[in-house]
Amino acid sequence: MANDPLDNAEDQAEAPVKAAAAEKLSPIKDRNLNLILDIPLKVTVELGRTKMAVSELLNLTQGSVLELSKLAGEPMEVLVNGKLIARGEAVVVNEKFGVRLTDIISPSERIEQLK
């Protein structure tokens, strides 16, 4: 699909983020961080997790309910390439789900996750 409207909407939504990121980087001297601004990252929002045996998985049918590890109302986790970077709450944006960030993990905590 050459002209997928969802791709165009995503590009338009990303443009202000990229511009803001570039503005924040402009005072940094002797670094060419602009090279990494367009690297795609996998962003995942996790509502919860559960474990089940293969037999339970095979018995799932339409209408089955999976009980997750988190309580209702607990913050969802925002992961970038599988690493926790923030927590947030569900919101609706233009009839789609979104996440309002309520807590950003500090850079030192993020670095600690890499070890």
Protein backbone atom coordinates (compact mmCIF):
# COMPACT_ATOMS: atom_id res chain seq x y z
CA MET A 1 0.00 0.00 0.00
CA ALA A 2 1.80 3.08 -1.22
CA ASN A 3 -0.49 5.65 0.40
CA ASP A 4 -1.63 4.03 3.62
CA PRO A 5 -3.49 6.76 5.60
CA LEU A 6 -2.28 5.25 8.88
CA ASP A 7 1.36 5.62 7.80
CA ASN A 8 0.74 9.27 6.90
CA ALA A 9 -0.97 9.90 10.25
CA GLU A 10 1.94 8.29 12.10
CA ASP A 11 4.45 10.38 10.13
CA GLN A 12 2.53 13.56 10.92
CA ALA A 13 2.32 12.63 14.60
CA GLU A 14 6.06 11.89 14.76
CA ALA A 15 7.13 15.15 13.06
CA PRO A 16 6.69 17.41 16.14
CA VAL A 17 8.46 14.84 18.32
CA LYS A 18 11.44 14.67 15.96
CA ALA A 19 11.58 18.48 15.72
CA ALA A 20 11.47 18.86 19.51
CA ALA A 21 14.20 16.24 19.92
CA ALA A 22 16.38 18.00 17.35
CA GLU A 23 15.93 21.34 19.13
CA LYS A 24 17.01 19.85 22.45
CA LEU A 25 20.14 18.40 20.81
CA SER A 26 21.23 21.56 19.00
CA PRO A 27 23.25 22.98 21.96
CA ILE A 28 25.26 19.78 22.29
CA LYS A 29 28.63 20.34 20.62
CA ASP A 30 31.00 17.79 19.13
CA ARG A 31 28.28 15.13 18.83
CA ASN A 32 26.35 14.24 15.77
CA LEU A 33 23.34 12.76 17.50
CA ASN A 34 21.10 13.69 14.59
CA LEU A 35 22.25 10.43 12.99
CA ILE A 36 20.26 8.38 15.50
CA LEU A 37 17.04 10.43 15.60
CA ASP A 38 15.42 8.40 12.80
CA ILE A 39 16.28 4.95 14.17
CA PRO A 40 13.02 3.04 14.65
CA LEU A 41 12.36 1.65 18.12
CA LYS A 42 9.76 -0.88 19.24
CA VAL A 43 7.47 0.79 21.80
CA THR A 44 5.22 -1.55 23.80
CA VAL A 45 2.64 -0.73 26.45
CA GLU A 46 2.08 -3.61 28.81
CA LEU A 47 -1.24 -3.95 30.55
CA GLY A 48 -0.20 -7.05 32.51
CA ARG A 49 1.13 -10.59 32.27
CA THR A 50 0.08 -14.09 33.14
CA LYS A 51 1.47 -17.61 32.97
CA MET A 52 -0.46 -20.65 31.84
CA ALA A 53 0.15 -24.25 30.94
CA VAL A 54 -0.07 -25.38 27.34
CA SER A 55 -3.26 -27.30 28.18
CA GLU A 56 -4.89 -24.06 29.44
CA LEU A 57 -3.76 -22.23 26.30
CA LEU A 58 -5.30 -24.92 24.10
CA ASN A 59 -8.59 -24.68 26.01
CA LEU A 60 -9.02 -20.93 25.33
CA THR A 61 -12.12 -20.06 23.36
CA GLN A 62 -13.77 -16.86 22.22
CA GLY A 63 -14.99 -15.12 25.36
CA SER A 64 -12.33 -16.65 27.64
CA VAL A 65 -10.97 -14.25 30.26
CA LEU A 66 -7.29 -14.11 31.15
CA GLU A 67 -6.51 -12.85 34.64
CA LEU A 68 -3.47 -10.58 34.54
CA SER A 69 -0.87 -9.91 37.22
CA LYS A 70 -1.78 -6.24 37.68
CA LEU A 71 -4.70 -4.81 39.58
CA ALA A 72 -7.27 -2.62 37.84
CA GLY A 73 -6.11 1.01 37.92
CA GLU A 74 -2.41 0.17 38.29
CA PRO A 75 -0.12 2.05 35.88
CA MET A 76 0.75 0.36 32.60
CA GLU A 77 4.41 -0.07 31.74
CA VAL A 78 5.90 1.58 28.66
CA LEU A 79 8.79 -0.43 27.22
CA VAL A 80 11.20 0.61 24.48
CA ASN A 81 12.96 -2.36 22.90
CA GLY A 82 11.91 -4.40 25.93
CA LYS A 83 13.31 -1.98 28.52
CA LEU A 84 11.09 -0.09 30.97
CA ILE A 85 11.24 3.66 30.36
CA ALA A 86 7.96 4.96 31.80
CA ARG A 87 4.61 4.18 33.39
CA GLY A 88 1.26 5.62 32.44
CA GLU A 89 -2.50 5.42 32.33
CA ALA A 90 -4.85 4.57 29.50
CA VAL A 91 -6.56 7.43 27.65
CA VAL A 92 -8.63 7.72 24.47
CA VAL A 93 -7.23 9.88 21.66
CA ASN A 94 -9.32 10.34 18.50
CA GLU A 95 -11.21 7.11 19.20
CA LYS A 96 -7.95 5.16 19.70
CA PHE A 97 -6.27 4.05 22.89
CA GLY A 98 -3.27 6.02 24.08
CA VAL A 99 -1.11 6.28 27.18
CA ARG A 100 -0.62 9.39 29.31
CA LEU A 101 2.82 9.12 30.89
CA THR A 102 2.70 9.57 34.64
CA ASP A 103 6.24 8.54 35.58
CA ILE A 104 9.45 8.56 33.54
CA ILE A 105 12.25 6.24 34.65
CA SER A 106 15.38 8.23 35.51
CA PRO A 107 18.41 7.93 33.19
CA SER A 108 20.41 6.24 35.95
CA GLU A 109 17.69 3.59 36.40
CA ARG A 110 17.58 3.03 32.65
CA ILE A 111 21.33 2.55 32.53
CA GLU A 112 21.11 0.12 35.44
CA GLN A 113 18.66 -2.02 33.39
CA LEU A 114 21.31 -2.45 30.69
CA LYS A 115 23.71 -4.24 33.04
